[in-house]
Structures are given as C-alpha cells and as structure tokens.
Amino acid sequence: MLKCFCVILLVTQVFSQRSFYKFAGPLSGPVQEIQVDGLHGPAVDYIAKPDYAYSYGIEDPKTGNTHSRHESRNGDAVSGEYTVLEADGSVRVVQYTADPHNGFQATVHYKRI
C-alpha cells in the first residue's frame, strides 16, 4: 500500500511541473517583459495584448453538414457569430460578445432558407 502511495505521489509530482513552452509567433501591440520561474532559475517571458481574428465555414451537401463561425478579439473584448443548419432546414445564427464589464452576451435568431 505504501509503495502504491509513493508511486502515485511521484507521478503526480512529475506531471504537475510547470511547462516551459512559450508562444513564439507574431505579437500585436505592446509587449510586457516579466520574470518567471525557469527550470534552472529565473527566466524572462513576455505578455502581449491578445489580438486575433479567424473564420471558417463548412458546406457538405452529401452529409448535410453546414455551419460557419467567425470570431475576433481585441484585448479583453471578444465578438463573433456562428451558424448551424438545424434539422428542420432553418439556420440558427448566434451572435455574441464578451468582455470583463458585460460578461458573455449572446443573441440567437433563426433564418428560413
């Protein structure tokens, strides 16, 4: 029993270590340099303002799978929309925003095709 406990404790300790992978892609806006605990002492990392936009759409007439999504983020404000083809042939459209002041807000409406 004690051996089992020790093995579980060791596995938990190994898998709870910090990850030192960091984002190396392009950054937007001002970048803040910070000190973090590294594997061999203090290390430097960076914090940047989150800023992105993406979209995609799928229309597969063979399976009937039709949906789309687009989203953008500027700092702490996120906005976007997604659509889904419902079983009755209508399209559900969900438009949403999220920010620290208002929280997550969504409006849903349906379009007939």
N, C-alpha and C. Protein backbone atom coordinates (compact mmCIF):
# COMPACT_ATOMS: atom_id res chain seq x y z
N MET A 1 0.82 -1.19 0.00
CA MET A 1 0.00 0.00 0.00
C MET A 1 0.87 1.26 0.00
N LEU A 2 1.92 1.25 0.82
CA LEU A 2 2.81 2.40 0.90
C LEU A 2 3.55 2.60 -0.43
N LYS A 3 3.94 1.50 -1.09
CA LYS A 3 4.61 1.61 -2.38
C LYS A 3 3.68 2.25 -3.41
N CYS A 4 2.43 1.82 -3.41
CA CYS A 4 1.44 2.37 -4.34
C CYS A 4 1.27 3.87 -4.10
N PHE A 5 1.17 4.26 -2.85
CA PHE A 5 1.03 5.67 -2.50
C PHE A 5 2.24 6.47 -2.97
N CYS A 6 3.44 5.93 -2.77
CA CYS A 6 4.67 6.62 -3.19
C CYS A 6 4.73 6.77 -4.70
N VAL A 7 4.32 5.75 -5.43
CA VAL A 7 4.31 5.83 -6.89
C VAL A 7 3.32 6.89 -7.36
N ILE A 8 2.14 6.90 -6.77
CA ILE A 8 1.13 7.91 -7.14
C ILE A 8 1.65 9.31 -6.82
N LEU A 9 2.26 9.48 -5.68
CA LEU A 9 2.82 10.77 -5.29
C LEU A 9 3.91 11.21 -6.27
N LEU A 10 4.77 10.31 -6.66
CA LEU A 10 5.84 10.62 -7.61
C LEU A 10 5.28 11.00 -8.98
N VAL A 11 4.32 10.24 -9.47
CA VAL A 11 3.71 10.54 -10.77
C VAL A 11 3.01 11.89 -10.73
N THR A 12 2.31 12.17 -9.65
CA THR A 12 1.62 13.46 -9.50
C THR A 12 2.63 14.59 -9.51
N GLN A 13 3.73 14.44 -8.83
CA GLN A 13 4.76 15.47 -8.78
C GLN A 13 5.38 15.71 -10.15
N VAL A 14 5.66 14.66 -10.88
CA VAL A 14 6.27 14.79 -12.21
C VAL A 14 5.33 15.51 -13.16
N PHE A 15 4.06 15.13 -13.18
CA PHE A 15 3.12 15.72 -14.13
C PHE A 15 2.60 17.08 -13.70
N SER A 16 2.88 17.53 -12.49
CA SER A 16 2.42 18.84 -12.07
C SER A 16 3.49 19.91 -12.25
N GLN A 17 4.62 19.57 -12.83
CA GLN A 17 5.67 20.55 -13.08
C GLN A 17 5.20 21.56 -14.11
N ARG A 18 5.74 22.75 -14.05
CA ARG A 18 5.37 23.80 -15.00
C ARG A 18 5.87 23.44 -16.39
N SER A 19 5.12 23.92 -17.36
CA SER A 19 5.53 23.77 -18.75
C SER A 19 6.33 25.00 -19.14
N PHE A 20 7.43 24.82 -19.80
CA PHE A 20 8.25 25.96 -20.18
C PHE A 20 8.16 26.25 -21.67
N TYR A 21 7.14 25.71 -22.32
CA TYR A 21 6.89 26.06 -23.71
C TYR A 21 6.29 27.45 -23.74
N LYS A 22 6.66 28.24 -24.70
CA LYS A 22 6.06 29.56 -24.82
C LYS A 22 5.78 29.86 -26.28
N PHE A 23 4.85 30.77 -26.48
CA PHE A 23 4.43 31.16 -27.81
C PHE A 23 5.55 31.91 -28.50
N ALA A 24 5.84 31.55 -29.74
CA ALA A 24 6.91 32.21 -30.47
C ALA A 24 6.41 32.85 -31.75
N GLY A 25 5.11 33.05 -31.85
CA GLY A 25 4.53 33.62 -33.06
C GLY A 25 4.54 35.14 -33.05
N PRO A 26 3.92 35.77 -34.05
CA PRO A 26 3.87 37.23 -34.11
C PRO A 26 3.01 37.78 -32.97
N LEU A 27 3.37 38.95 -32.49
CA LEU A 27 2.64 39.60 -31.40
C LEU A 27 2.04 40.90 -31.88
N SER A 28 0.98 41.34 -31.22
CA SER A 28 0.30 42.57 -31.58
C SER A 28 0.31 43.52 -30.39
N GLY A 29 0.62 44.77 -30.62
CA GLY A 29 0.57 45.75 -29.56
C GLY A 29 1.78 45.70 -28.65
N PRO A 30 1.71 46.46 -27.54
CA PRO A 30 2.85 46.50 -26.62
C PRO A 30 3.09 45.15 -25.95
N VAL A 31 4.34 44.86 -25.69
CA VAL A 31 4.73 43.61 -25.07
C VAL A 31 5.36 43.92 -23.72
N GLN A 32 4.94 43.21 -22.68
CA GLN A 32 5.49 43.41 -21.34
C GLN A 32 6.40 42.24 -21.00
N GLU A 33 7.61 42.56 -20.56
CA GLU A 33 8.57 41.53 -20.17
C GLU A 33 8.37 41.21 -18.69
N ILE A 34 8.32 39.92 -18.33
CA ILE A 34 8.13 39.52 -16.94
C ILE A 34 9.16 38.46 -16.56
N GLN A 35 9.42 38.33 -15.27
CA GLN A 35 10.30 37.29 -14.74
C GLN A 35 9.44 36.11 -14.30
N VAL A 36 9.82 34.92 -14.68
CA VAL A 36 9.11 33.71 -14.28
C VAL A 36 10.12 32.70 -13.75
N ASP A 37 9.62 31.73 -13.00
CA ASP A 37 10.49 30.66 -12.53
C ASP A 37 10.83 29.76 -13.70
N GLY A 38 12.11 29.59 -13.95
CA GLY A 38 12.56 28.70 -15.00
C GLY A 38 13.07 27.40 -14.43
N LEU A 39 13.39 26.49 -15.29
CA LEU A 39 13.89 25.19 -14.88
C LEU A 39 15.19 25.32 -14.09
N HIS A 40 16.04 26.28 -14.50
CA HIS A 40 17.33 26.49 -13.84
C HIS A 40 17.42 27.90 -13.27
N GLY A 41 16.36 28.37 -12.63
CA GLY A 41 16.35 29.71 -12.05
C GLY A 41 15.42 30.63 -12.81
N PRO A 42 15.46 31.93 -12.50
CA PRO A 42 14.57 32.89 -13.15
C PRO A 42 14.77 32.94 -14.66
N ALA A 43 13.68 33.17 -15.37
CA ALA A 43 13.72 33.28 -16.83
C ALA A 43 12.85 34.45 -17.24
N VAL A 44 13.00 34.89 -18.46
CA VAL A 44 12.21 36.00 -18.99
C VAL A 44 11.12 35.44 -19.89
N ASP A 45 9.91 35.96 -19.73
CA ASP A 45 8.81 35.63 -20.63
C ASP A 45 8.13 36.93 -21.00
N TYR A 46 7.14 36.87 -21.88
CA TYR A 46 6.51 38.08 -22.38
C TYR A 46 5.00 37.94 -22.33
N ILE A 47 4.33 39.06 -22.04
CA ILE A 47 2.88 39.12 -22.07
C ILE A 47 2.51 40.15 -23.13
N ALA A 48 1.65 39.77 -24.04
CA ALA A 48 1.20 40.68 -25.09
C ALA A 48 -0.32 40.77 -25.08
N LYS A 49 -0.85 41.84 -25.64
CA LYS A 49 -2.29 42.02 -25.74
C LYS A 49 -2.85 40.99 -26.71
N PRO A 50 -3.85 40.20 -26.28
CA PRO A 50 -4.45 39.22 -27.20
C PRO A 50 -5.18 39.94 -28.34
N ASP A 51 -4.87 39.57 -29.54
CA ASP A 51 -5.47 40.21 -30.72
C ASP A 51 -5.48 39.18 -31.84
N TYR A 52 -6.69 38.75 -32.26
CA TYR A 52 -6.75 37.77 -33.33
C TYR A 52 -8.11 37.84 -34.03
N ALA A 53 -8.18 37.20 -35.17
CA ALA A 53 -9.44 37.03 -35.89
C ALA A 53 -9.33 35.74 -36.69
N TYR A 54 -10.42 34.99 -36.75
CA TYR A 54 -10.44 33.78 -37.56
C TYR A 54 -11.86 33.50 -38.02
N SER A 55 -11.96 32.69 -39.05
CA SER A 55 -13.28 32.28 -39.53
C SER A 55 -13.13 30.99 -40.33
N TYR A 56 -14.23 30.26 -40.42
CA TYR A 56 -14.28 29.07 -41.25
C TYR A 56 -15.74 28.77 -41.57
N GLY A 57 -15.93 27.98 -42.60
CA GLY A 57 -17.27 27.55 -42.97
C GLY A 57 -17.22 26.18 -43.62
N ILE A 58 -18.26 25.40 -43.40
CA ILE A 58 -18.35 24.06 -43.96
C ILE A 58 -19.72 23.91 -44.61
N GLU A 59 -19.73 23.46 -45.85
CA GLU A 59 -20.97 23.13 -46.56
C GLU A 59 -20.75 21.80 -47.26
N ASP A 60 -21.32 20.75 -46.72
CA ASP A 60 -21.18 19.42 -47.29
C ASP A 60 -22.56 18.91 -47.68
N PRO A 61 -22.95 19.05 -48.96
CA PRO A 61 -24.29 18.64 -49.36
C PRO A 61 -24.54 17.14 -49.20
N LYS A 62 -23.49 16.34 -49.27
CA LYS A 62 -23.66 14.90 -49.15
C LYS A 62 -24.15 14.51 -47.76
N THR A 63 -23.57 15.12 -46.72
CA THR A 63 -23.97 14.79 -45.34
C THR A 63 -24.95 15.78 -44.75
N GLY A 64 -25.10 16.94 -45.39
CA GLY A 64 -25.97 17.98 -44.84
C GLY A 64 -25.30 18.79 -43.75
N ASN A 65 -24.02 18.58 -43.55
CA ASN A 65 -23.28 19.31 -42.52
C ASN A 65 -22.99 20.72 -43.03
N THR A 66 -23.64 21.70 -42.45
CA THR A 66 -23.45 23.09 -42.84
C THR A 66 -23.36 23.94 -41.60
N HIS A 67 -22.22 24.57 -41.40
CA HIS A 67 -22.07 25.52 -40.29
C HIS A 67 -20.89 26.44 -40.58
N SER A 68 -20.85 27.55 -39.87
CA SER A 68 -19.76 28.51 -40.04
C SER A 68 -19.50 29.22 -38.72
N ARG A 69 -18.36 29.87 -38.66
CA ARG A 69 -18.02 30.62 -37.46
C ARG A 69 -16.99 31.68 -37.80
N HIS A 70 -17.12 32.83 -37.17
CA HIS A 70 -16.05 33.82 -37.21
C HIS A 70 -15.99 34.50 -35.86
N GLU A 71 -14.78 34.86 -35.46
CA GLU A 71 -14.57 35.46 -34.14
C GLU A 71 -13.37 36.39 -34.22
N SER A 72 -13.43 37.46 -33.44
CA SER A 72 -12.29 38.37 -33.34
C SER A 72 -12.11 38.78 -31.89
N ARG A 73 -10.88 39.09 -31.54
CA ARG A 73 -10.58 39.51 -30.17
C ARG A 73 -9.63 40.69 -30.23
N ASN A 74 -9.92 41.68 -29.40
CA ASN A 74 -9.07 42.85 -29.26
C ASN A 74 -8.90 43.08 -27.77
N GLY A 75 -7.78 42.65 -27.21
CA GLY A 75 -7.58 42.76 -25.77
C GLY A 75 -8.52 41.81 -25.05
N ASP A 76 -9.34 42.37 -24.15
CA ASP A 76 -10.28 41.55 -23.38
C ASP A 76 -11.66 41.46 -24.01
N ALA A 77 -11.86 42.08 -25.17
CA ALA A 77 -13.18 42.08 -25.83
C ALA A 77 -13.20 41.07 -26.98
N VAL A 78 -14.17 40.17 -26.94
CA VAL A 78 -14.33 39.15 -27.98
C VAL A 78 -15.71 39.33 -28.61
N SER A 79 -15.78 39.19 -29.92
CA SER A 79 -17.08 39.20 -30.60
C SER A 79 -17.05 38.18 -31.72
N GLY A 80 -18.22 37.66 -32.03
CA GLY A 80 -18.26 36.67 -33.10
C GLY A 80 -19.66 36.22 -33.41
N GLU A 81 -19.74 35.27 -34.31
CA GLU A 81 -21.02 34.72 -34.76
C GLU A 81 -20.79 33.30 -35.24
N TYR A 82 -21.76 32.44 -34.99
CA TYR A 82 -21.71 31.12 -35.61
C TYR A 82 -23.09 30.74 -36.10
N THR A 83 -23.11 29.90 -37.14
CA THR A 83 -24.37 29.44 -37.72
C THR A 83 -24.37 27.93 -37.78
N VAL A 84 -25.56 27.37 -37.62
CA VAL A 84 -25.74 25.91 -37.67
C VAL A 84 -27.02 25.62 -38.44
N LEU A 85 -26.97 24.69 -39.39
CA LEU A 85 -28.16 24.25 -40.10
C LEU A 85 -28.92 23.27 -39.20
N GLU A 86 -30.16 23.62 -38.86
CA GLU A 86 -30.97 22.78 -37.99
C GLU A 86 -31.64 21.66 -38.80
N ALA A 87 -32.16 20.66 -38.11
CA ALA A 87 -32.81 19.52 -38.76
C ALA A 87 -34.04 19.92 -39.55
N ASP A 88 -34.73 20.99 -39.12
CA ASP A 88 -35.94 21.43 -39.83
C ASP A 88 -35.64 22.31 -41.04
N GLY A 89 -34.35 22.52 -41.36
CA GLY A 89 -33.98 23.31 -42.52
C GLY A 89 -33.70 24.77 -42.22
N SER A 90 -33.99 25.22 -41.02
CA SER A 90 -33.68 26.60 -40.67
C SER A 90 -32.22 26.72 -40.26
N VAL A 91 -31.72 27.93 -40.25
CA VAL A 91 -30.34 28.19 -39.84
C VAL A 91 -30.36 28.96 -38.53
N ARG A 92 -29.72 28.40 -37.52
CA ARG A 92 -29.59 29.10 -36.24
C ARG A 92 -28.38 30.01 -36.33
N VAL A 93 -28.56 31.29 -36.00
CA VAL A 93 -27.49 32.28 -36.01
C VAL A 93 -27.30 32.78 -34.59
N VAL A 94 -26.11 32.62 -34.05
CA VAL A 94 -25.80 33.09 -32.70
C VAL A 94 -24.72 34.16 -32.82
N GLN A 95 -25.05 35.37 -32.39
CA GLN A 95 -24.08 36.46 -32.35
C GLN A 95 -23.73 36.70 -30.90
N TYR A 96 -22.45 36.88 -30.60
CA TYR A 96 -22.05 37.02 -29.20
C TYR A 96 -20.93 38.04 -29.03
N THR A 97 -20.88 38.57 -27.82
CA THR A 97 -19.79 39.43 -27.38
C THR A 97 -19.43 39.01 -25.96
N ALA A 98 -18.21 39.28 -25.57
CA ALA A 98 -17.78 39.01 -24.20
C ALA A 98 -16.70 40.01 -23.83
N ASP A 99 -16.83 40.59 -22.65
CA ASP A 99 -15.81 41.48 -22.12
C ASP A 99 -15.92 41.50 -20.60
N PRO A 100 -14.92 42.02 -19.91
CA PRO A 100 -14.94 41.99 -18.44
C PRO A 100 -16.09 42.79 -17.83
N HIS A 101 -16.55 43.83 -18.52
CA HIS A 101 -17.61 44.69 -17.96
C HIS A 101 -19.00 44.06 -18.09
N ASN A 102 -19.32 43.52 -19.27
CA ASN A 102 -20.67 42.99 -19.54
C ASN A 102 -20.76 41.47 -19.47
N GLY A 103 -19.65 40.78 -19.39
CA GLY A 103 -19.68 39.32 -19.40
C GLY A 103 -20.00 38.80 -20.79
N PHE A 104 -20.51 37.58 -20.85
CA PHE A 104 -20.87 36.96 -22.12
C PHE A 104 -22.31 37.30 -22.46
N GLN A 105 -22.54 37.85 -23.64
CA GLN A 105 -23.88 38.21 -24.11
C GLN A 105 -24.09 37.57 -25.48
N ALA A 106 -25.20 36.89 -25.65
CA ALA A 106 -25.48 36.24 -26.94
C ALA A 106 -26.92 36.52 -27.36
N THR A 107 -27.11 36.67 -28.65
CA THR A 107 -28.45 36.75 -29.22
C THR A 107 -28.58 35.62 -30.23
N VAL A 108 -29.74 34.99 -30.24
CA VAL A 108 -29.99 33.85 -31.12
C VAL A 108 -31.20 34.18 -31.98
N HIS A 109 -31.10 33.96 -33.27
CA HIS A 109 -32.26 34.06 -34.14
C HIS A 109 -32.16 32.98 -35.21
N TYR A 110 -33.27 32.76 -35.89
CA TYR A 110 -33.36 31.69 -36.89
C TYR A 110 -33.72 32.29 -38.23
N LYS A 111 -33.13 31.74 -39.29
CA LYS A 111 -33.44 32.15 -40.66
C LYS A 111 -34.00 30.95 -41.40
N ARG A 112 -35.03 31.18 -42.16
CA ARG A 112 -35.57 30.14 -43.05
C ARG A 112 -34.83 30.21 -44.37
N ILE A 113 -34.51 29.06 -44.91
CA ILE A 113 -33.80 29.03 -46.20
C ILE A 113 -34.81 28.86 -47.31
